[in-house]
Amino acid sequence: MKDIVRTLFVSVRYTVVSVIALGLLYPFAMTVLAHLLFPFQADGSMISAHEQTVGSAIIGQLWTAPRYFHGRPSAAGKGYDPTATGGTNLGPTSKKLLDTTVAAVKTVIAENPDASGPVPPDLTTSSASGIDPDISPEGAYFQVARVAKARGLAQGAVRALVDDHVRGRDLGFLGEPRVNVLELNLALDALHG
């Protein structure tokens, strides 16, 4: 009986110490450290325009107006819902995936009648998270004619803006070149006045 009480006391003490150290102190220390070293990222990578928060650099938004660049389709909740992230989980032989992609291709072509070349895949398929804020440079260039026409700008000016917003691979070899749609559209608004 004495050994059982001793073992119980040790296990309770270990549990209390573990909860305090790993459930309170460690998360608090990591939060403070993150805010000190990476304040932009720790606060949600929020982007402001005209002294108002307009979105996050890491969460996509739904853009439908012809005067804006459009992002990837979203499969998260009812669209770009960061509390319901996730892909469609449809496999390559799925009829639903095929039908959805064919419909998305038709929509992108209808929205961009002056575009040339094949439709970039990222404009017709959602990302694994469903909230990807970036598109490929090809996806942005594909939309230049529509955006320029809707804003009454020269295509060269809009293309140059896209050029300025292409980010290369991380560390020179990780990932693919990309364009953040929110940042590009904010720069477009600033350019257009």
C-alpha atoms as a PDB file:
ATOM      1  CA  MET A   1       0.000   0.000   0.000  1.00  0.00           C
ATOM      2  CA  LYS A   2       2.883   2.335   0.824  1.00  0.00           C
ATOM      3  CA  ASP A   3       4.387   1.780  -2.652  1.00  0.00           C
ATOM      4  CA  ILE A   4       1.075   2.543  -4.350  1.00  0.00           C
ATOM      5  CA  VAL A   5       0.710   5.844  -2.481  1.00  0.00           C
ATOM      6  CA  ARG A   6       4.319   6.756  -3.271  1.00  0.00           C
ATOM      7  CA  THR A   7       3.862   5.914  -6.967  1.00  0.00           C
ATOM      8  CA  LEU A   8       0.614   7.871  -7.090  1.00  0.00           C
ATOM      9  CA  PHE A   9       2.270  10.895  -5.438  1.00  0.00           C
ATOM     10  CA  VAL A  10       5.189  10.783  -7.930  1.00  0.00           C
ATOM     11  CA  SER A  11       2.849  10.504 -10.923  1.00  0.00           C
ATOM     12  CA  VAL A  12       0.632  13.390  -9.739  1.00  0.00           C
ATOM     13  CA  ARG A  13       3.707  15.543  -9.061  1.00  0.00           C
ATOM     14  CA  TYR A  14       5.145  14.671 -12.505  1.00  0.00           C
ATOM     15  CA  THR A  15       1.818  15.515 -14.160  1.00  0.00           C
ATOM     16  CA  VAL A  16       1.567  18.892 -12.414  1.00  0.00           C
ATOM     17  CA  VAL A  17       5.174  19.801 -13.263  1.00  0.00           C
ATOM     18  CA  SER A  18       4.683  18.676 -16.889  1.00  0.00           C
ATOM     19  CA  VAL A  19       1.477  20.689 -17.306  1.00  0.00           C
ATOM     20  CA  ILE A  20       3.102  23.814 -15.886  1.00  0.00           C
ATOM     21  CA  ALA A  21       6.345  23.432 -17.853  1.00  0.00           C
ATOM     22  CA  LEU A  22       4.984  22.165 -21.178  1.00  0.00           C
ATOM     23  CA  GLY A  23       1.458  23.551 -21.107  1.00  0.00           C
ATOM     24  CA  LEU A  24       2.150  27.035 -19.736  1.00  0.00           C
ATOM     25  CA  LEU A  25       5.805  28.066 -19.581  1.00  0.00           C
ATOM     26  CA  TYR A  26       6.962  26.639 -22.924  1.00  0.00           C
ATOM     27  CA  PRO A  27       4.057  28.078 -25.008  1.00  0.00           C
ATOM     28  CA  PHE A  28       4.426  31.445 -23.257  1.00  0.00           C
ATOM     29  CA  ALA A  29       8.189  31.494 -23.942  1.00  0.00           C
ATOM     30  CA  MET A  30       7.683  30.533 -27.611  1.00  0.00           C
ATOM     31  CA  THR A  31       5.000  33.204 -28.053  1.00  0.00           C
ATOM     32  CA  VAL A  32       7.238  35.901 -26.576  1.00  0.00           C
ATOM     33  CA  LEU A  33      10.218  34.714 -28.616  1.00  0.00           C
ATOM     34  CA  ALA A  34       8.150  34.633 -31.830  1.00  0.00           C
ATOM     35  CA  HIS A  35       6.878  38.179 -31.252  1.00  0.00           C
ATOM     36  CA  LEU A  36      10.420  39.397 -30.604  1.00  0.00           C
ATOM     37  CA  LEU A  37      12.097  37.651 -33.562  1.00  0.00           C
ATOM     38  CA  PHE A  38       9.263  37.494 -36.115  1.00  0.00           C
ATOM     39  CA  PRO A  39       6.614  40.092 -35.193  1.00  0.00           C
ATOM     40  CA  PHE A  40       4.993  40.269 -38.671  1.00  0.00           C
ATOM     41  CA  GLN A  41       4.533  36.496 -38.900  1.00  0.00           C
ATOM     42  CA  ALA A  42       3.559  36.075 -35.231  1.00  0.00           C
ATOM     43  CA  ASP A  43       0.747  38.584 -35.645  1.00  0.00           C
ATOM     44  CA  GLY A  44      -0.733  36.728 -38.641  1.00  0.00           C
ATOM     45  CA  SER A  45       1.193  38.394 -41.489  1.00  0.00           C
ATOM     46  CA  MET A  46      -1.510  41.058 -41.681  1.00  0.00           C
ATOM     47  CA  ILE A  47      -1.406  43.551 -44.562  1.00  0.00           C
ATOM     48  CA  SER A  48      -2.754  47.078 -44.189  1.00  0.00           C
ATOM     49  CA  ALA A  49      -3.821  49.687 -46.719  1.00  0.00           C
ATOM     50  CA  HIS A  50      -4.965  53.187 -45.849  1.00  0.00           C
ATOM     51  CA  GLU A  51      -4.494  52.435 -42.125  1.00  0.00           C
ATOM     52  CA  GLN A  52      -6.907  49.498 -42.299  1.00  0.00           C
ATOM     53  CA  THR A  53      -6.158  45.775 -42.225  1.00  0.00           C
ATOM     54  CA  VAL A  54      -7.217  44.305 -45.560  1.00  0.00           C
ATOM     55  CA  GLY A  55      -6.048  40.716 -45.222  1.00  0.00           C
ATOM     56  CA  SER A  56      -3.202  38.373 -44.522  1.00  0.00           C
ATOM     57  CA  ALA A  57      -0.224  37.608 -46.738  1.00  0.00           C
ATOM     58  CA  ILE A  58      -0.692  33.909 -46.009  1.00  0.00           C
ATOM     59  CA  ILE A  59      -4.470  33.492 -46.494  1.00  0.00           C
ATOM     60  CA  GLY A  60      -6.049  33.826 -49.913  1.00  0.00           C
ATOM     61  CA  GLN A  61      -9.176  35.850 -50.635  1.00  0.00           C
ATOM     62  CA  LEU A  62     -11.948  35.617 -53.186  1.00  0.00           C
ATOM     63  CA  TRP A  63     -11.454  38.143 -56.007  1.00  0.00           C
ATOM     64  CA  THR A  64     -14.178  38.251 -58.654  1.00  0.00           C
ATOM     65  CA  ALA A  65     -14.130  41.764 -60.139  1.00  0.00           C
ATOM     66  CA  PRO A  66     -12.538  41.932 -63.610  1.00  0.00           C
ATOM     67  CA  ARG A  67     -10.277  44.770 -62.468  1.00  0.00           C
ATOM     68  CA  TYR A  68      -8.457  42.488 -60.013  1.00  0.00           C
ATOM     69  CA  PHE A  69      -6.217  39.469 -60.392  1.00  0.00           C
ATOM     70  CA  HIS A  70      -7.989  36.317 -59.265  1.00  0.00           C
ATOM     71  CA  GLY A  71      -6.419  33.681 -57.040  1.00  0.00           C
ATOM     72  CA  ARG A  72      -6.735  29.946 -56.983  1.00  0.00           C
ATOM     73  CA  PRO A  73     -10.113  28.338 -56.412  1.00  0.00           C
ATOM     74  CA  SER A  74     -10.688  27.440 -52.775  1.00  0.00           C
ATOM     75  CA  ALA A  75     -11.921  24.179 -51.308  1.00  0.00           C
ATOM     76  CA  ALA A  76     -11.824  25.480 -47.723  1.00  0.00           C
ATOM     77  CA  GLY A  77     -15.284  25.687 -46.216  1.00  0.00           C
ATOM     78  CA  LYS A  78     -17.382  28.051 -48.315  1.00  0.00           C
ATOM     79  CA  GLY A  79     -14.206  29.501 -49.806  1.00  0.00           C
ATOM     80  CA  TYR A  80     -10.989  30.755 -48.252  1.00  0.00           C
ATOM     81  CA  ASP A  81     -12.192  29.876 -44.750  1.00  0.00           C
ATOM     82  CA  PRO A  82      -9.030  29.534 -42.612  1.00  0.00           C
ATOM     83  CA  THR A  83     -10.994  27.603 -39.970  1.00  0.00           C
ATOM     84  CA  ALA A  84     -11.912  24.892 -42.487  1.00  0.00           C
ATOM     85  CA  THR A  85      -8.740  24.410 -44.502  1.00  0.00           C
ATOM     86  CA  GLY A  86      -8.236  21.406 -46.672  1.00  0.00           C
ATOM     87  CA  GLY A  87      -8.230  20.194 -50.205  1.00  0.00           C
ATOM     88  CA  THR A  88     -10.985  18.334 -51.983  1.00  0.00           C
ATOM     89  CA  ASN A  89      -9.299  14.952 -51.449  1.00  0.00           C
ATOM     90  CA  LEU A  90     -10.512  13.915 -54.882  1.00  0.00           C
ATOM     91  CA  GLY A  91      -8.262  11.489 -56.726  1.00  0.00           C
ATOM     92  CA  PRO A  92      -7.051  11.712 -60.321  1.00  0.00           C
ATOM     93  CA  THR A  93      -9.758   9.283 -61.493  1.00  0.00           C
ATOM     94  CA  SER A  94     -12.578  11.206 -59.791  1.00  0.00           C
ATOM     95  CA  LYS A  95     -15.371  12.271 -62.144  1.00  0.00           C
ATOM     96  CA  LYS A  96     -16.257  15.124 -59.785  1.00  0.00           C
ATOM     97  CA  LEU A  97     -12.676  16.436 -59.963  1.00  0.00           C
ATOM     98  CA  LEU A  98     -12.707  16.208 -63.762  1.00  0.00           C
ATOM     99  CA  ASP A  99     -16.083  17.965 -64.027  1.00  0.00           C
ATOM    100  CA  THR A 100     -15.043  20.699 -61.587  1.00  0.00           C
ATOM    101  CA  THR A 101     -11.762  21.286 -63.407  1.00  0.00           C
ATOM    102  CA  VAL A 102     -13.412  21.410 -66.842  1.00  0.00           C
ATOM    103  CA  ALA A 103     -15.953  23.929 -65.510  1.00  0.00           C
ATOM    104  CA  ALA A 104     -13.158  25.994 -63.942  1.00  0.00           C
ATOM    105  CA  VAL A 105     -11.216  26.037 -67.231  1.00  0.00           C
ATOM    106  CA  LYS A 106     -14.317  27.259 -69.076  1.00  0.00           C
ATOM    107  CA  THR A 107     -14.853  29.977 -66.452  1.00  0.00           C
ATOM    108  CA  VAL A 108     -11.248  31.172 -66.622  1.00  0.00           C
ATOM    109  CA  ILE A 109     -11.346  31.288 -70.433  1.00  0.00           C
ATOM    110  CA  ALA A 110     -14.659  33.202 -70.348  1.00  0.00           C
ATOM    111  CA  GLU A 111     -13.227  35.691 -67.822  1.00  0.00           C
ATOM    112  CA  ASN A 112     -10.054  36.161 -69.885  1.00  0.00           C
ATOM    113  CA  PRO A 113     -11.139  36.171 -73.546  1.00  0.00           C
ATOM    114  CA  ASP A 114      -8.047  38.102 -74.674  1.00  0.00           C
ATOM    115  CA  ALA A 115      -5.569  35.761 -72.982  1.00  0.00           C
ATOM    116  CA  SER A 116      -3.418  33.524 -75.106  1.00  0.00           C
ATOM    117  CA  GLY A 117      -1.955  30.123 -74.459  1.00  0.00           C
ATOM    118  CA  PRO A 118      -3.129  27.307 -72.239  1.00  0.00           C
ATOM    119  CA  VAL A 119      -4.861  28.055 -68.935  1.00  0.00           C
ATOM    120  CA  PRO A 120      -2.358  27.703 -66.070  1.00  0.00           C
ATOM    121  CA  PRO A 121      -3.381  24.778 -63.810  1.00  0.00           C
ATOM    122  CA  ASP A 122      -3.269  26.832 -60.616  1.00  0.00           C
ATOM    123  CA  LEU A 123      -6.171  28.989 -61.854  1.00  0.00           C
ATOM    124  CA  THR A 124      -8.412  25.923 -62.107  1.00  0.00           C
ATOM    125  CA  THR A 125      -7.394  23.748 -59.153  1.00  0.00           C
ATOM    126  CA  SER A 126      -7.386  24.424 -55.427  1.00  0.00           C
ATOM    127  CA  SER A 127      -4.314  23.994 -53.277  1.00  0.00           C
ATOM    128  CA  ALA A 128      -3.936  21.361 -50.568  1.00  0.00           C
ATOM    129  CA  SER A 129      -4.882  23.898 -47.900  1.00  0.00           C
ATOM    130  CA  GLY A 130      -7.625  25.566 -49.929  1.00  0.00           C
ATOM    131  CA  ILE A 131      -6.443  29.019 -48.817  1.00  0.00           C
ATOM    132  CA  ASP A 132      -3.277  29.497 -50.875  1.00  0.00           C
ATOM    133  CA  PRO A 133      -2.677  33.250 -51.309  1.00  0.00           C
ATOM    134  CA  ASP A 134      -0.306  32.836 -54.263  1.00  0.00           C
ATOM    135  CA  ILE A 135      -0.592  32.025 -57.936  1.00  0.00           C
ATOM    136  CA  SER A 136       2.116  31.159 -60.426  1.00  0.00           C
ATOM    137  CA  PRO A 137       3.652  33.955 -62.505  1.00  0.00           C
ATOM    138  CA  GLU A 138       2.008  32.280 -65.521  1.00  0.00           C
ATOM    139  CA  GLY A 139      -1.359  32.531 -63.754  1.00  0.00           C
ATOM    140  CA  ALA A 140      -0.819  36.256 -63.224  1.00  0.00           C
ATOM    141  CA  TYR A 141       0.399  36.901 -66.784  1.00  0.00           C
ATOM    142  CA  PHE A 142      -2.629  35.018 -68.144  1.00  0.00           C
ATOM    143  CA  GLN A 143      -4.896  37.635 -66.494  1.00  0.00           C
ATOM    144  CA  VAL A 144      -2.974  40.765 -67.562  1.00  0.00           C
ATOM    145  CA  ALA A 145      -5.120  41.547 -70.622  1.00  0.00           C
ATOM    146  CA  ARG A 146      -8.376  41.403 -68.642  1.00  0.00           C
ATOM    147  CA  VAL A 147      -7.098  43.520 -65.751  1.00  0.00           C
ATOM    148  CA  ALA A 148      -5.511  46.104 -68.060  1.00  0.00           C
ATOM    149  CA  LYS A 149      -8.693  46.396 -70.134  1.00  0.00           C
ATOM    150  CA  ALA A 150     -10.928  46.693 -67.052  1.00  0.00           C
ATOM    151  CA  ARG A 151      -8.749  49.455 -65.609  1.00  0.00           C
ATOM    152  CA  GLY A 152      -7.965  51.250 -68.857  1.00  0.00           C
ATOM    153  CA  LEU A 153      -4.232  50.655 -68.428  1.00  0.00           C
ATOM    154  CA  ALA A 154      -1.601  49.566 -70.906  1.00  0.00           C
ATOM    155  CA  GLN A 155      -0.879  45.852 -70.755  1.00  0.00           C
ATOM    156  CA  GLY A 156       2.828  46.655 -70.494  1.00  0.00           C
ATOM    157  CA  ALA A 157       2.274  48.611 -67.265  1.00  0.00           C
ATOM    158  CA  VAL A 158       0.245  45.788 -65.722  1.00  0.00           C
ATOM    159  CA  ARG A 159       2.779  43.189 -66.896  1.00  0.00           C
ATOM    160  CA  ALA A 160       5.598  45.250 -65.321  1.00  0.00           C
ATOM    161  CA  LEU A 161       3.655  45.306 -62.059  1.00  0.00           C
ATOM    162  CA  VAL A 162       3.389  41.525 -62.169  1.00  0.00           C
ATOM    163  CA  ASP A 163       7.143  41.331 -62.899  1.00  0.00           C
ATOM    164  CA  ASP A 164       7.804  43.387 -59.769  1.00  0.00           C
ATOM    165  CA  HIS A 165       5.725  41.026 -57.609  1.00  0.00           C
ATOM    166  CA  VAL A 166       7.157  37.691 -58.717  1.00  0.00           C
ATOM    167  CA  ARG A 167       8.912  36.050 -55.779  1.00  0.00           C
ATOM    168  CA  GLY A 168      11.574  33.478 -56.524  1.00  0.00           C
ATOM    169  CA  ARG A 169      12.138  30.146 -54.873  1.00  0.00           C
ATOM    170  CA  ASP A 170      12.807  30.247 -51.132  1.00  0.00           C
ATOM    171  CA  LEU A 171      16.545  29.959 -50.471  1.00  0.00           C
ATOM    172  CA  GLY A 172      16.972  29.729 -54.234  1.00  0.00           C
ATOM    173  CA  PHE A 173      15.794  26.110 -54.521  1.00  0.00           C
ATOM    174  CA  LEU A 174      12.674  25.494 -52.397  1.00  0.00           C
ATOM    175  CA  GLY A 175       9.211  25.769 -53.903  1.00  0.00           C
ATOM    176  CA  GLU A 176       8.242  27.514 -57.101  1.00  0.00           C
ATOM    177  CA  PRO A 177       8.186  31.166 -58.182  1.00  0.00           C
ATOM    178  CA  ARG A 178       4.921  32.781 -57.101  1.00  0.00           C
ATOM    179  CA  VAL A 179       2.885  35.983 -56.935  1.00  0.00           C
ATOM    180  CA  ASN A 180       0.905  37.008 -53.858  1.00  0.00           C
ATOM    181  CA  VAL A 181      -2.519  38.025 -55.198  1.00  0.00           C
ATOM    182  CA  LEU A 182      -3.441  40.405 -52.358  1.00  0.00           C
ATOM    183  CA  GLU A 183      -0.148  42.281 -52.567  1.00  0.00           C
ATOM    184  CA  LEU A 184      -0.405  42.480 -56.369  1.00  0.00           C
ATOM    185  CA  ASN A 185      -3.973  43.822 -56.242  1.00  0.00           C
ATOM    186  CA  LEU A 186      -3.040  46.415 -53.610  1.00  0.00           C
ATOM    187  CA  ALA A 187      -0.132  47.560 -55.779  1.00  0.00           C
ATOM    188  CA  LEU A 188      -2.526  47.699 -58.736  1.00  0.00           C
ATOM    189  CA  ASP A 189      -4.897  49.923 -56.760  1.00  0.00           C
ATOM    190  CA  ALA A 190      -1.984  52.179 -55.785  1.00  0.00           C
ATOM    191  CA  LEU A 191      -0.824  52.363 -59.415  1.00  0.00           C
ATOM    192  CA  HIS A 192      -4.288  53.120 -60.702  1.00  0.00           C
ATOM    193  CA  GLY A 193      -5.012  55.662 -57.968  1.00  0.00           C
END
